[in-house]
Amino acid sequence: MSRVRVFQVDAFTQQPFSGNPAGVVLDAEQLDARQMQLIARELGNGDTAFVLPADGADHDLRVRFFTPRSEVGFVGHATVAAHAVLANLGLGARRLQKQRTGIVAIERVEGTRGPRFSFTQPAPKLQGPIGGELRAALLEGLGLVAADLDERCPATLAGEHSTRNLIAVRDGSVLARLKPDLARLAGLTAAGGAPGTFVYTLRPARPDCDTEARMFCPALGIPEDPVSGNAHAMLAALLCQLNLLPGGAQRARFRARQGHHMDRAGELEVGVHFQGAALDSVSVSGAAVVVFATSIAVTELAA
């Protein structure tokens, strides 16, 4: 009987039951898209990564990503989770990962507290400032007023394949008291807005980080996302543009925290890489821990 191996992994953390949970499915070449969607729905995580063999010489493996509702192009925390599983099984380093959005470079980074896994992608696109009625509606949906905002950082639409609203607040106390109107935010997405809103501060309440954030994606079926690698890559691009990188451009690396407001504390490190004076790429790294493993008989997924 043919089976696929299934793992529950917490990413951007070294502690089980914290960080951002993801499913990882190996041997996924046995599955079609419908079966992948069924497994993702059954696991119920925000995202599940399905690991496939390479189909070309320019990469080492392929990954398809599914939410419980649909396939998506790329997911940062599920990428970290997938490579942590491969490392735990001793399956060797896979440096180039292909998905619908292209190819990203993967690196294992050894540390005193165990390995971290880093993905490097081209600098995310910044679409431009959010103004007018949309900005006002976003602030109302988040329960924010002008005095809550960090005036150095305009509200910005970021990303290309999957966009996010980036909203800066004054400090960590504002972030902690957010109680967004999720139905209102989902309605803005249905009207053509970004499917996620990433709220961040450069004045965190925590002493062990440079930035603190929360993200709300009710239109994707995720009221609050514990830790987003993709959104932090977008944040890095924006901070470069605004000359607000923590520690200055010469440092080009910052520590970020997310998830602790929902008792799923996560941590990640974000780096920016330049080609001359221009931002070329962004790397995001974090640890991951396997919570449990099982398998599913492919025949059980038959129509």
C-alpha atoms as a PDB file:
ATOM      1  CA  MET A   1       0.000   0.000   0.000  1.00  0.00           C
ATOM      2  CA  SER A   2       1.418   3.367  -1.039  1.00  0.00           C
ATOM      3  CA  ARG A   3       1.702   5.957   1.733  1.00  0.00           C
ATOM      4  CA  VAL A   4       2.838   9.541   2.198  1.00  0.00           C
ATOM      5  CA  ARG A   5       4.704  10.730   5.288  1.00  0.00           C
ATOM      6  CA  VAL A   6       3.054  13.604   7.141  1.00  0.00           C
ATOM      7  CA  PHE A   7       4.636  15.881   9.767  1.00  0.00           C
ATOM      8  CA  GLN A   8       3.280  18.575  12.042  1.00  0.00           C
ATOM      9  CA  VAL A   9       5.999  21.205  12.508  1.00  0.00           C
ATOM     10  CA  ASP A  10       6.193  24.435  14.496  1.00  0.00           C
ATOM     11  CA  ALA A  11       8.295  26.969  12.592  1.00  0.00           C
ATOM     12  CA  PHE A  12      10.194  30.056  13.739  1.00  0.00           C
ATOM     13  CA  THR A  13      10.601  28.544  17.191  1.00  0.00           C
ATOM     14  CA  GLN A  14      12.559  25.907  19.095  1.00  0.00           C
ATOM     15  CA  GLN A  15       9.681  25.116  21.441  1.00  0.00           C
ATOM     16  CA  PRO A  16       6.779  22.820  20.513  1.00  0.00           C
ATOM     17  CA  PHE A  17       3.325  24.432  20.544  1.00  0.00           C
ATOM     18  CA  SER A  18       4.689  27.878  19.746  1.00  0.00           C
ATOM     19  CA  GLY A  19       5.685  29.674  16.549  1.00  0.00           C
ATOM     20  CA  ASN A  20       3.711  29.020  13.373  1.00  0.00           C
ATOM     21  CA  PRO A  21       2.372  25.482  12.777  1.00  0.00           C
ATOM     22  CA  ALA A  22       2.713  23.957   9.304  1.00  0.00           C
ATOM     23  CA  GLY A  23       2.085  20.603   7.742  1.00  0.00           C
ATOM     24  CA  VAL A  24       4.847  18.933   5.717  1.00  0.00           C
ATOM     25  CA  VAL A  25       4.108  16.014   3.381  1.00  0.00           C
ATOM     26  CA  LEU A  26       6.897  13.923   1.860  1.00  0.00           C
ATOM     27  CA  ASP A  27       6.531  11.515  -1.090  1.00  0.00           C
ATOM     28  CA  ALA A  28       4.006  13.970  -2.524  1.00  0.00           C
ATOM     29  CA  GLU A  29       4.743  12.958  -6.120  1.00  0.00           C
ATOM     30  CA  GLN A  30       2.100  10.253  -5.522  1.00  0.00           C
ATOM     31  CA  LEU A  31      -0.599  12.888  -5.036  1.00  0.00           C
ATOM     32  CA  ASP A  32      -2.614  15.025  -7.400  1.00  0.00           C
ATOM     33  CA  ALA A  33      -3.759  18.560  -6.569  1.00  0.00           C
ATOM     34  CA  ARG A  34      -7.151  17.399  -5.284  1.00  0.00           C
ATOM     35  CA  GLN A  35      -5.526  14.980  -2.860  1.00  0.00           C
ATOM     36  CA  MET A  36      -3.109  17.649  -1.662  1.00  0.00           C
ATOM     37  CA  GLN A  37      -6.015  19.969  -0.997  1.00  0.00           C
ATOM     38  CA  LEU A  38      -7.825  17.258   0.978  1.00  0.00           C
ATOM     39  CA  ILE A  39      -4.785  16.641   3.175  1.00  0.00           C
ATOM     40  CA  ALA A  40      -4.252  20.366   3.781  1.00  0.00           C
ATOM     41  CA  ARG A  41      -7.895  20.735   4.763  1.00  0.00           C
ATOM     42  CA  GLU A  42      -7.700  17.729   7.094  1.00  0.00           C
ATOM     43  CA  LEU A  43      -4.543  18.959   8.832  1.00  0.00           C
ATOM     44  CA  GLY A  44      -6.157  22.353   9.321  1.00  0.00           C
ATOM     45  CA  ASN A  45      -2.926  24.349   9.529  1.00  0.00           C
ATOM     46  CA  GLY A  46      -2.640  27.730   7.902  1.00  0.00           C
ATOM     47  CA  ASP A  47      -0.380  26.095   5.279  1.00  0.00           C
ATOM     48  CA  THR A  48       0.933  22.683   4.287  1.00  0.00           C
ATOM     49  CA  ALA A  49       4.059  22.094   2.173  1.00  0.00           C
ATOM     50  CA  PHE A  50       4.083  19.143  -0.257  1.00  0.00           C
ATOM     51  CA  VAL A  51       7.651  18.141  -1.125  1.00  0.00           C
ATOM     52  CA  LEU A  52       8.298  16.838  -4.655  1.00  0.00           C
ATOM     53  CA  PRO A  53      11.377  15.762  -6.641  1.00  0.00           C
ATOM     54  CA  ALA A  54      13.118  18.311  -8.852  1.00  0.00           C
ATOM     55  CA  ASP A  55      11.964  18.479 -12.454  1.00  0.00           C
ATOM     56  CA  GLY A  56      14.971  20.404 -13.807  1.00  0.00           C
ATOM     57  CA  ALA A  57      18.681  20.986 -13.341  1.00  0.00           C
ATOM     58  CA  ASP A  58      18.305  24.456 -11.818  1.00  0.00           C
ATOM     59  CA  HIS A  59      16.854  23.308  -8.472  1.00  0.00           C
ATOM     60  CA  ASP A  60      17.079  20.485  -5.923  1.00  0.00           C
ATOM     61  CA  LEU A  61      13.428  20.002  -4.985  1.00  0.00           C
ATOM     62  CA  ARG A  62       9.968  21.366  -5.650  1.00  0.00           C
ATOM     63  CA  VAL A  63       7.349  22.363  -3.103  1.00  0.00           C
ATOM     64  CA  ARG A  64       3.650  23.069  -3.533  1.00  0.00           C
ATOM     65  CA  PHE A  65       1.819  24.966  -0.793  1.00  0.00           C
ATOM     66  CA  PHE A  66      -1.843  24.611   0.148  1.00  0.00           C
ATOM     67  CA  THR A  67      -4.006  26.371   2.703  1.00  0.00           C
ATOM     68  CA  PRO A  68      -7.160  24.536   3.815  1.00  0.00           C
ATOM     69  CA  ARG A  69      -8.924  26.453   1.028  1.00  0.00           C
ATOM     70  CA  SER A  70      -6.586  26.742  -1.966  1.00  0.00           C
ATOM     71  CA  GLU A  71      -3.086  26.465  -3.399  1.00  0.00           C
ATOM     72  CA  VAL A  72      -0.744  29.437  -2.884  1.00  0.00           C
ATOM     73  CA  GLY A  73       2.545  30.346  -4.496  1.00  0.00           C
ATOM     74  CA  PHE A  74       5.047  30.446  -1.625  1.00  0.00           C
ATOM     75  CA  VAL A  75       4.959  30.198   2.174  1.00  0.00           C
ATOM     76  CA  GLY A  76       7.997  31.127   4.255  1.00  0.00           C
ATOM     77  CA  HIS A  77       7.270  29.331   7.519  1.00  0.00           C
ATOM     78  CA  ALA A  78       6.230  26.138   5.718  1.00  0.00           C
ATOM     79  CA  THR A  79       9.505  26.283   3.762  1.00  0.00           C
ATOM     80  CA  VAL A  80      11.471  26.442   7.017  1.00  0.00           C
ATOM     81  CA  ALA A  81       9.343  23.561   8.334  1.00  0.00           C
ATOM     82  CA  ALA A  82       9.961  21.400   5.254  1.00  0.00           C
ATOM     83  CA  HIS A  83      13.731  21.795   5.394  1.00  0.00           C
ATOM     84  CA  ALA A  84      13.771  21.090   9.123  1.00  0.00           C
ATOM     85  CA  VAL A  85      11.998  17.779   8.419  1.00  0.00           C
ATOM     86  CA  LEU A  86      14.470  16.873   5.662  1.00  0.00           C
ATOM     87  CA  ALA A  87      17.387  17.657   7.980  1.00  0.00           C
ATOM     88  CA  ASN A  88      15.896  15.642  10.850  1.00  0.00           C
ATOM     89  CA  LEU A  89      15.585  12.643   8.535  1.00  0.00           C
ATOM     90  CA  GLY A  90      19.186  13.022   7.344  1.00  0.00           C
ATOM     91  CA  LEU A  91      18.087  13.477   3.740  1.00  0.00           C
ATOM     92  CA  GLY A  92      20.811  16.013   2.961  1.00  0.00           C
ATOM     93  CA  ALA A  93      20.840  19.717   2.198  1.00  0.00           C
ATOM     94  CA  ARG A  94      18.599  20.958  -0.611  1.00  0.00           C
ATOM     95  CA  ARG A  95      19.871  24.402  -1.519  1.00  0.00           C
ATOM     96  CA  LEU A  96      17.549  25.462  -4.337  1.00  0.00           C
ATOM     97  CA  GLN A  97      13.780  25.150  -3.934  1.00  0.00           C
ATOM     98  CA  LYS A  98      11.341  25.655  -6.790  1.00  0.00           C
ATOM     99  CA  GLN A  99       7.702  26.676  -6.369  1.00  0.00           C
ATOM    100  CA  ARG A 100       5.090  28.567  -8.364  1.00  0.00           C
ATOM    101  CA  THR A 101       6.761  31.914  -7.648  1.00  0.00           C
ATOM    102  CA  GLY A 102      10.216  30.821  -8.853  1.00  0.00           C
ATOM    103  CA  ILE A 103      13.325  29.529  -7.089  1.00  0.00           C
ATOM    104  CA  VAL A 104      14.570  30.455  -3.618  1.00  0.00           C
ATOM    105  CA  ALA A 105      17.923  29.610  -2.050  1.00  0.00           C
ATOM    106  CA  ILE A 106      17.911  27.637   1.196  1.00  0.00           C
ATOM    107  CA  GLU A 107      20.731  27.569   3.733  1.00  0.00           C
ATOM    108  CA  ARG A 108      21.198  25.699   6.985  1.00  0.00           C
ATOM    109  CA  VAL A 109      22.735  27.999   9.612  1.00  0.00           C
ATOM    110  CA  GLU A 110      24.344  26.343  12.620  1.00  0.00           C
ATOM    111  CA  GLY A 111      24.005  28.052  15.990  1.00  0.00           C
ATOM    112  CA  THR A 112      24.597  27.476  19.681  1.00  0.00           C
ATOM    113  CA  ARG A 113      20.910  26.666  20.172  1.00  0.00           C
ATOM    114  CA  GLY A 114      20.657  24.384  17.156  1.00  0.00           C
ATOM    115  CA  PRO A 115      20.263  24.878  13.403  1.00  0.00           C
ATOM    116  CA  ARG A 116      18.185  27.525  11.708  1.00  0.00           C
ATOM    117  CA  PHE A 117      16.998  27.438   8.121  1.00  0.00           C
ATOM    118  CA  SER A 118      17.190  30.475   5.895  1.00  0.00           C
ATOM    119  CA  PHE A 119      15.429  31.224   2.623  1.00  0.00           C
ATOM    120  CA  THR A 120      16.608  34.007   0.336  1.00  0.00           C
ATOM    121  CA  GLN A 121      14.312  35.548  -2.238  1.00  0.00           C
ATOM    122  CA  PRO A 122      14.438  38.539  -4.596  1.00  0.00           C
ATOM    123  CA  ALA A 123      13.564  41.790  -2.889  1.00  0.00           C
ATOM    124  CA  PRO A 124       9.765  41.947  -2.544  1.00  0.00           C
ATOM    125  CA  LYS A 125       8.000  44.566  -4.609  1.00  0.00           C
ATOM    126  CA  LEU A 126       6.567  47.622  -2.877  1.00  0.00           C
ATOM    127  CA  GLN A 127       3.405  48.714  -4.677  1.00  0.00           C
ATOM    128  CA  GLY A 128       3.258  52.123  -3.004  1.00  0.00           C
ATOM    129  CA  PRO A 129       1.509  54.071  -0.243  1.00  0.00           C
ATOM    130  CA  ILE A 130      -2.062  53.292   0.801  1.00  0.00           C
ATOM    131  CA  GLY A 131      -4.133  56.438   1.064  1.00  0.00           C
ATOM    132  CA  GLY A 132      -7.602  57.852   0.921  1.00  0.00           C
ATOM    133  CA  GLU A 133     -10.657  55.781   1.720  1.00  0.00           C
ATOM    134  CA  LEU A 134      -8.783  52.456   1.822  1.00  0.00           C
ATOM    135  CA  ARG A 135      -6.338  53.714   4.441  1.00  0.00           C
ATOM    136  CA  ALA A 136      -9.202  55.115   6.523  1.00  0.00           C
ATOM    137  CA  ALA A 137     -11.104  51.830   6.261  1.00  0.00           C
ATOM    138  CA  LEU A 138      -8.038  49.800   7.268  1.00  0.00           C
ATOM    139  CA  LEU A 139      -7.442  51.951  10.333  1.00  0.00           C
ATOM    140  CA  GLU A 140     -11.105  51.660  11.303  1.00  0.00           C
ATOM    141  CA  GLY A 141     -10.992  47.880  10.836  1.00  0.00           C
ATOM    142  CA  LEU A 142      -7.911  47.685  13.043  1.00  0.00           C
ATOM    143  CA  GLY A 143      -9.354  50.017  15.658  1.00  0.00           C
ATOM    144  CA  LEU A 144      -6.573  52.559  15.163  1.00  0.00           C
ATOM    145  CA  VAL A 145      -6.520  56.351  15.082  1.00  0.00           C
ATOM    146  CA  ALA A 146      -3.888  58.678  13.652  1.00  0.00           C
ATOM    147  CA  ALA A 147      -2.210  59.146  17.041  1.00  0.00           C
ATOM    148  CA  ASP A 148      -1.498  55.383  17.188  1.00  0.00           C
ATOM    149  CA  LEU A 149       0.626  55.418  14.024  1.00  0.00           C
ATOM    150  CA  ASP A 150       4.355  55.817  13.455  1.00  0.00           C
ATOM    151  CA  GLU A 151       4.432  58.895  11.230  1.00  0.00           C
ATOM    152  CA  ARG A 152       7.828  57.896   9.811  1.00  0.00           C
ATOM    153  CA  CYS A 153       6.303  54.909   8.014  1.00  0.00           C
ATOM    154  CA  PRO A 154       3.433  55.441   5.577  1.00  0.00           C
ATOM    155  CA  ALA A 155       0.878  52.667   5.167  1.00  0.00           C
ATOM    156  CA  THR A 156       2.168  50.638   2.218  1.00  0.00           C
ATOM    157  CA  LEU A 157       0.890  47.912  -0.097  1.00  0.00           C
ATOM    158  CA  ALA A 158       3.642  45.319  -0.594  1.00  0.00           C
ATOM    159  CA  GLY A 159       4.113  42.111  -2.534  1.00  0.00           C
ATOM    160  CA  GLU A 160       3.147  40.932  -5.981  1.00  0.00           C
ATOM    161  CA  HIS A 161       1.803  37.372  -6.057  1.00  0.00           C
ATOM    162  CA  SER A 162       0.249  37.731  -2.599  1.00  0.00           C
ATOM    163  CA  THR A 163      -0.003  41.262  -1.284  1.00  0.00           C
ATOM    164  CA  ARG A 164      -0.018  42.620   2.257  1.00  0.00           C
ATOM    165  CA  ASN A 165      -0.928  45.930   3.841  1.00  0.00           C
ATOM    166  CA  LEU A 166       1.988  47.132   6.000  1.00  0.00           C
ATOM    167  CA  ILE A 167       0.840  49.409   8.843  1.00  0.00           C
ATOM    168  CA  ALA A 168       3.290  50.887  11.386  1.00  0.00           C
ATOM    169  CA  VAL A 169       2.139  51.718  14.900  1.00  0.00           C
ATOM    170  CA  ARG A 170       3.803  53.952  17.455  1.00  0.00           C
ATOM    171  CA  ASP A 171       4.978  51.300  19.929  1.00  0.00           C
ATOM    172  CA  GLY A 172       4.431  47.858  21.383  1.00  0.00           C
ATOM    173  CA  SER A 173       1.619  48.961  23.663  1.00  0.00           C
ATOM    174  CA  VAL A 174      -0.513  49.905  20.648  1.00  0.00           C
ATOM    175  CA  LEU A 175       0.245  46.548  19.052  1.00  0.00           C
ATOM    176  CA  ALA A 176      -0.760  44.673  22.220  1.00  0.00           C
ATOM    177  CA  ARG A 177      -4.204  46.256  22.470  1.00  0.00           C
ATOM    178  CA  LEU A 178      -5.275  45.627  18.864  1.00  0.00           C
ATOM    179  CA  LYS A 179      -8.754  44.095  18.586  1.00  0.00           C
ATOM    180  CA  PRO A 180      -9.481  44.228  14.865  1.00  0.00           C
ATOM    181  CA  ASP A 181     -12.888  43.936  13.261  1.00  0.00           C
ATOM    182  CA  LEU A 182     -12.113  40.779  11.288  1.00  0.00           C
ATOM    183  CA  ALA A 183     -15.309  40.907   9.265  1.00  0.00           C
ATOM    184  CA  ARG A 184     -14.476  44.461   8.189  1.00  0.00           C
ATOM    185  CA  LEU A 185     -10.944  43.455   7.159  1.00  0.00           C
ATOM    186  CA  ALA A 186     -12.243  40.442   5.231  1.00  0.00           C
ATOM    187  CA  GLY A 187     -14.713  42.706   3.458  1.00  0.00           C
ATOM    188  CA  LEU A 188     -11.905  44.984   2.312  1.00  0.00           C
ATOM    189  CA  THR A 189     -10.173  41.955   0.787  1.00  0.00           C
ATOM    190  CA  ALA A 190     -13.382  40.893  -0.944  1.00  0.00           C
ATOM    191  CA  ALA A 191     -13.571  44.390  -2.417  1.00  0.00           C
ATOM    192  CA  GLY A 192     -10.140  43.963  -4.006  1.00  0.00           C
ATOM    193  CA  GLY A 193      -7.796  44.797  -1.150  1.00  0.00           C
ATOM    194  CA  ALA A 194      -4.794  42.808   0.072  1.00  0.00           C
ATOM    195  CA  PRO A 195      -5.629  39.460   1.729  1.00  0.00           C
ATOM    196  CA  GLY A 196      -3.505  40.235   4.787  1.00  0.00           C
ATOM    197  CA  THR A 197      -2.687  43.196   7.019  1.00  0.00           C
ATOM    198  CA  PHE A 198       0.700  43.227   8.774  1.00  0.00           C
ATOM    199  CA  VAL A 199       0.889  45.628  11.710  1.00  0.00           C
ATOM    200  CA  TYR A 200       4.377  46.315  13.064  1.00  0.00           C
ATOM    201  CA  THR A 201       6.366  48.613  15.315  1.00  0.00           C
ATOM    202  CA  LEU A 202       9.979  49.745  15.446  1.00  0.00           C
ATOM    203  CA  ARG A 203       9.569  50.424  19.178  1.00  0.00           C
ATOM    204  CA  PRO A 204       8.796  46.950  20.540  1.00  0.00           C
ATOM    205  CA  ALA A 205       7.677  46.297  24.086  1.00  0.00           C
ATOM    206  CA  ARG A 206       9.991  43.273  24.218  1.00  0.00           C
ATOM    207  CA  PRO A 207      13.690  43.923  24.950  1.00  0.00           C
ATOM    208  CA  ASP A 208      15.040  41.039  22.828  1.00  0.00           C
ATOM    209  CA  CYS A 209      14.109  42.262  19.354  1.00  0.00           C
ATOM    210  CA  ASP A 210      14.225  45.155  16.911  1.00  0.00           C
ATOM    211  CA  THR A 211      10.683  44.822  15.556  1.00  0.00           C
ATOM    212  CA  GLU A 212       7.427  43.380  16.812  1.00  0.00           C
ATOM    213  CA  ALA A 213       4.414  42.532  14.667  1.00  0.00           C
ATOM    214  CA  ARG A 214       0.976  40.979  14.281  1.00  0.00           C
ATOM    215  CA  MET A 215      -0.789  39.906  11.080  1.00  0.00           C
ATOM    216  CA  PHE A 216      -4.477  39.429  10.312  1.00  0.00           C
ATOM    217  CA  CYS A 217      -5.711  37.400   7.308  1.00  0.00           C
ATOM    218  CA  PRO A 218      -9.418  36.674   7.919  1.00  0.00           C
ATOM    219  CA  ALA A 219     -10.173  36.479   4.189  1.00  0.00           C
ATOM    220  CA  LEU A 220      -7.784  33.511   3.995  1.00  0.00           C
ATOM    221  CA  GLY A 221      -9.457  31.779   6.922  1.00  0.00           C
ATOM    222  CA  ILE A 222      -6.660  32.852   9.295  1.00  0.00           C
ATOM    223  CA  PRO A 223      -7.933  35.395  11.859  1.00  0.00           C
ATOM    224  CA  GLU A 224      -4.371  36.006  13.107  1.00  0.00           C
ATOM    225  CA  ASP A 225      -1.237  34.487  11.586  1.00  0.00           C
ATOM    226  CA  PRO A 226       1.292  33.586  14.306  1.00  0.00           C
ATOM    227  CA  VAL A 227       4.554  34.320  12.431  1.00  0.00           C
ATOM    228  CA  SER A 228       4.966  35.366   8.791  1.00  0.00           C
ATOM    229  CA  GLY A 229       8.316  35.071   7.027  1.00  0.00           C
ATOM    230  CA  ASN A 230       6.967  36.571   3.793  1.00  0.00           C
ATOM    231  CA  ALA A 231       5.578  39.664   5.503  1.00  0.00           C
ATOM    232  CA  HIS A 232       8.874  40.242   7.292  1.00  0.00           C
ATOM    233  CA  ALA A 233      10.675  40.117   3.941  1.00  0.00           C
ATOM    234  CA  MET A 234       8.291  42.829   2.724  1.00  0.00           C
ATOM    235  CA  LEU A 235       8.956  44.820   5.890  1.00  0.00           C
ATOM    236  CA  ALA A 236      12.708  44.625   5.251  1.00  0.00           C
ATOM    237  CA  ALA A 237      12.246  46.050   1.757  1.00  0.00           C
ATOM    238  CA  LEU A 238      10.135  48.900   3.122  1.00  0.00           C
ATOM    239  CA  LEU A 239      12.579  49.749   5.920  1.00  0.00           C
ATOM    240  CA  CYS A 240      15.382  49.869   3.347  1.00  0.00           C
ATOM    241  CA  GLN A 241      13.389  52.284   1.227  1.00  0.00           C
ATOM    242  CA  LEU A 242      12.680  54.478   4.253  1.00  0.00           C
ATOM    243  CA  ASN A 243      16.284  54.275   5.568  1.00  0.00           C
ATOM    244  CA  LEU A 244      14.922  52.907   8.831  1.00  0.00           C
ATOM    245  CA  LEU A 245      16.694  49.557   9.116  1.00  0.00           C
ATOM    246  CA  PRO A 246      17.358  48.899  12.827  1.00  0.00           C
ATOM    247  CA  GLY A 247      21.013  49.606  13.484  1.00  0.00           C
ATOM    248  CA  GLY A 248      21.457  51.375  10.151  1.00  0.00           C
ATOM    249  CA  ALA A 249      22.028  50.097   6.613  1.00  0.00           C
ATOM    250  CA  GLN A 250      25.545  48.893   7.451  1.00  0.00           C
ATOM    251  CA  ARG A 251      24.083  46.327   9.836  1.00  0.00           C
ATOM    252  CA  ALA A 252      21.535  45.082   7.287  1.00  0.00           C
ATOM    253  CA  ARG A 253      20.039  42.536   9.692  1.00  0.00           C
ATOM    254  CA  PHE A 254      17.373  42.699  12.376  1.00  0.00           C
ATOM    255  CA  ARG A 255      15.658  40.466  14.924  1.00  0.00           C
ATOM    256  CA  ALA A 256      11.896  40.178  14.736  1.00  0.00           C
ATOM    257  CA  ARG A 257       9.250  38.771  17.048  1.00  0.00           C
ATOM    258  CA  GLN A 258       5.656  37.811  16.332  1.00  0.00           C
ATOM    259  CA  GLY A 259       3.055  35.441  17.762  1.00  0.00           C
ATOM    260  CA  HIS A 260       3.482  36.157  21.476  1.00  0.00           C
ATOM    261  CA  HIS A 261       0.222  38.113  21.541  1.00  0.00           C
ATOM    262  CA  MET A 262      -1.609  34.849  20.779  1.00  0.00           C
ATOM    263  CA  ASP A 263       0.570  32.605  22.980  1.00  0.00           C
ATOM    264  CA  ARG A 264       2.536  31.245  20.004  1.00  0.00           C
ATOM    265  CA  ALA A 265       5.774  33.191  20.412  1.00  0.00           C
ATOM    266  CA  GLY A 266       8.015  33.102  17.356  1.00  0.00           C
ATOM    267  CA  GLU A 267      11.351  34.612  16.456  1.00  0.00           C
ATOM    268  CA  LEU A 268      13.138  35.167  13.189  1.00  0.00           C
ATOM    269  CA  GLU A 269      16.104  37.013  11.773  1.00  0.00           C
ATOM    270  CA  VAL A 270      15.822  39.104   8.645  1.00  0.00           C
ATOM    271  CA  GLY A 271      18.753  40.139   6.452  1.00  0.00           C
ATOM    272  CA  VAL A 272      18.993  42.428   3.427  1.00  0.00           C
ATOM    273  CA  HIS A 273      21.521  42.041   0.625  1.00  0.00           C
ATOM    274  CA  PHE A 274      22.574  44.782  -1.767  1.00  0.00           C
ATOM    275  CA  GLN A 275      23.861  44.873  -5.330  1.00  0.00           C
ATOM    276  CA  GLY A 276      25.766  48.113  -5.283  1.00  0.00           C
ATOM    277  CA  ALA A 277      23.423  50.646  -3.711  1.00  0.00           C
ATOM    278  CA  ALA A 278      20.247  48.784  -4.653  1.00  0.00           C
ATOM    279  CA  LEU A 279      18.446  46.199  -2.552  1.00  0.00           C
ATOM    280  CA  ASP A 280      18.868  42.849  -4.313  1.00  0.00           C
ATOM    281  CA  SER A 281      17.400  40.179  -2.037  1.00  0.00           C
ATOM    282  CA  VAL A 282      16.069  39.468   1.444  1.00  0.00           C
ATOM    283  CA  SER A 283      16.765  36.449   3.651  1.00  0.00           C
ATOM    284  CA  VAL A 284      14.602  35.186   6.495  1.00  0.00           C
ATOM    285  CA  SER A 285      15.816  32.540   8.934  1.00  0.00           C
ATOM    286  CA  GLY A 286      14.413  30.635  11.871  1.00  0.00           C
ATOM    287  CA  ALA A 287      14.385  27.314  13.663  1.00  0.00           C
ATOM    288  CA  ALA A 288      11.664  24.669  13.559  1.00  0.00           C
ATOM    289  CA  VAL A 289      10.660  21.680  15.657  1.00  0.00           C
ATOM    290  CA  VAL A 290       8.763  18.554  14.592  1.00  0.00           C
ATOM    291  CA  VAL A 291       5.781  17.977  16.881  1.00  0.00           C
ATOM    292  CA  PHE A 292       4.577  14.650  15.508  1.00  0.00           C
ATOM    293  CA  ALA A 293       4.762  12.407  12.444  1.00  0.00           C
ATOM    294  CA  THR A 294       2.310  10.000  10.850  1.00  0.00           C
ATOM    295  CA  SER A 295       1.432   8.627   7.426  1.00  0.00           C
ATOM    296  CA  ILE A 296      -1.591   8.476   5.178  1.00  0.00           C
ATOM    297  CA  ALA A 297      -2.446   5.708   2.723  1.00  0.00           C
ATOM    298  CA  VAL A 298      -2.829   7.208  -0.732  1.00  0.00           C
ATOM    299  CA  THR A 299      -5.682   4.777  -1.456  1.00  0.00           C
ATOM    300  CA  GLU A 300      -7.668   6.450   1.322  1.00  0.00           C
ATOM    301  CA  LEU A 301      -7.666   9.638  -0.770  1.00  0.00           C
ATOM    302  CA  ALA A 302      -9.267   8.017  -3.804  1.00  0.00           C
ATOM    303  CA  ALA A 303     -12.417   9.576  -5.198  1.00  0.00           C
END
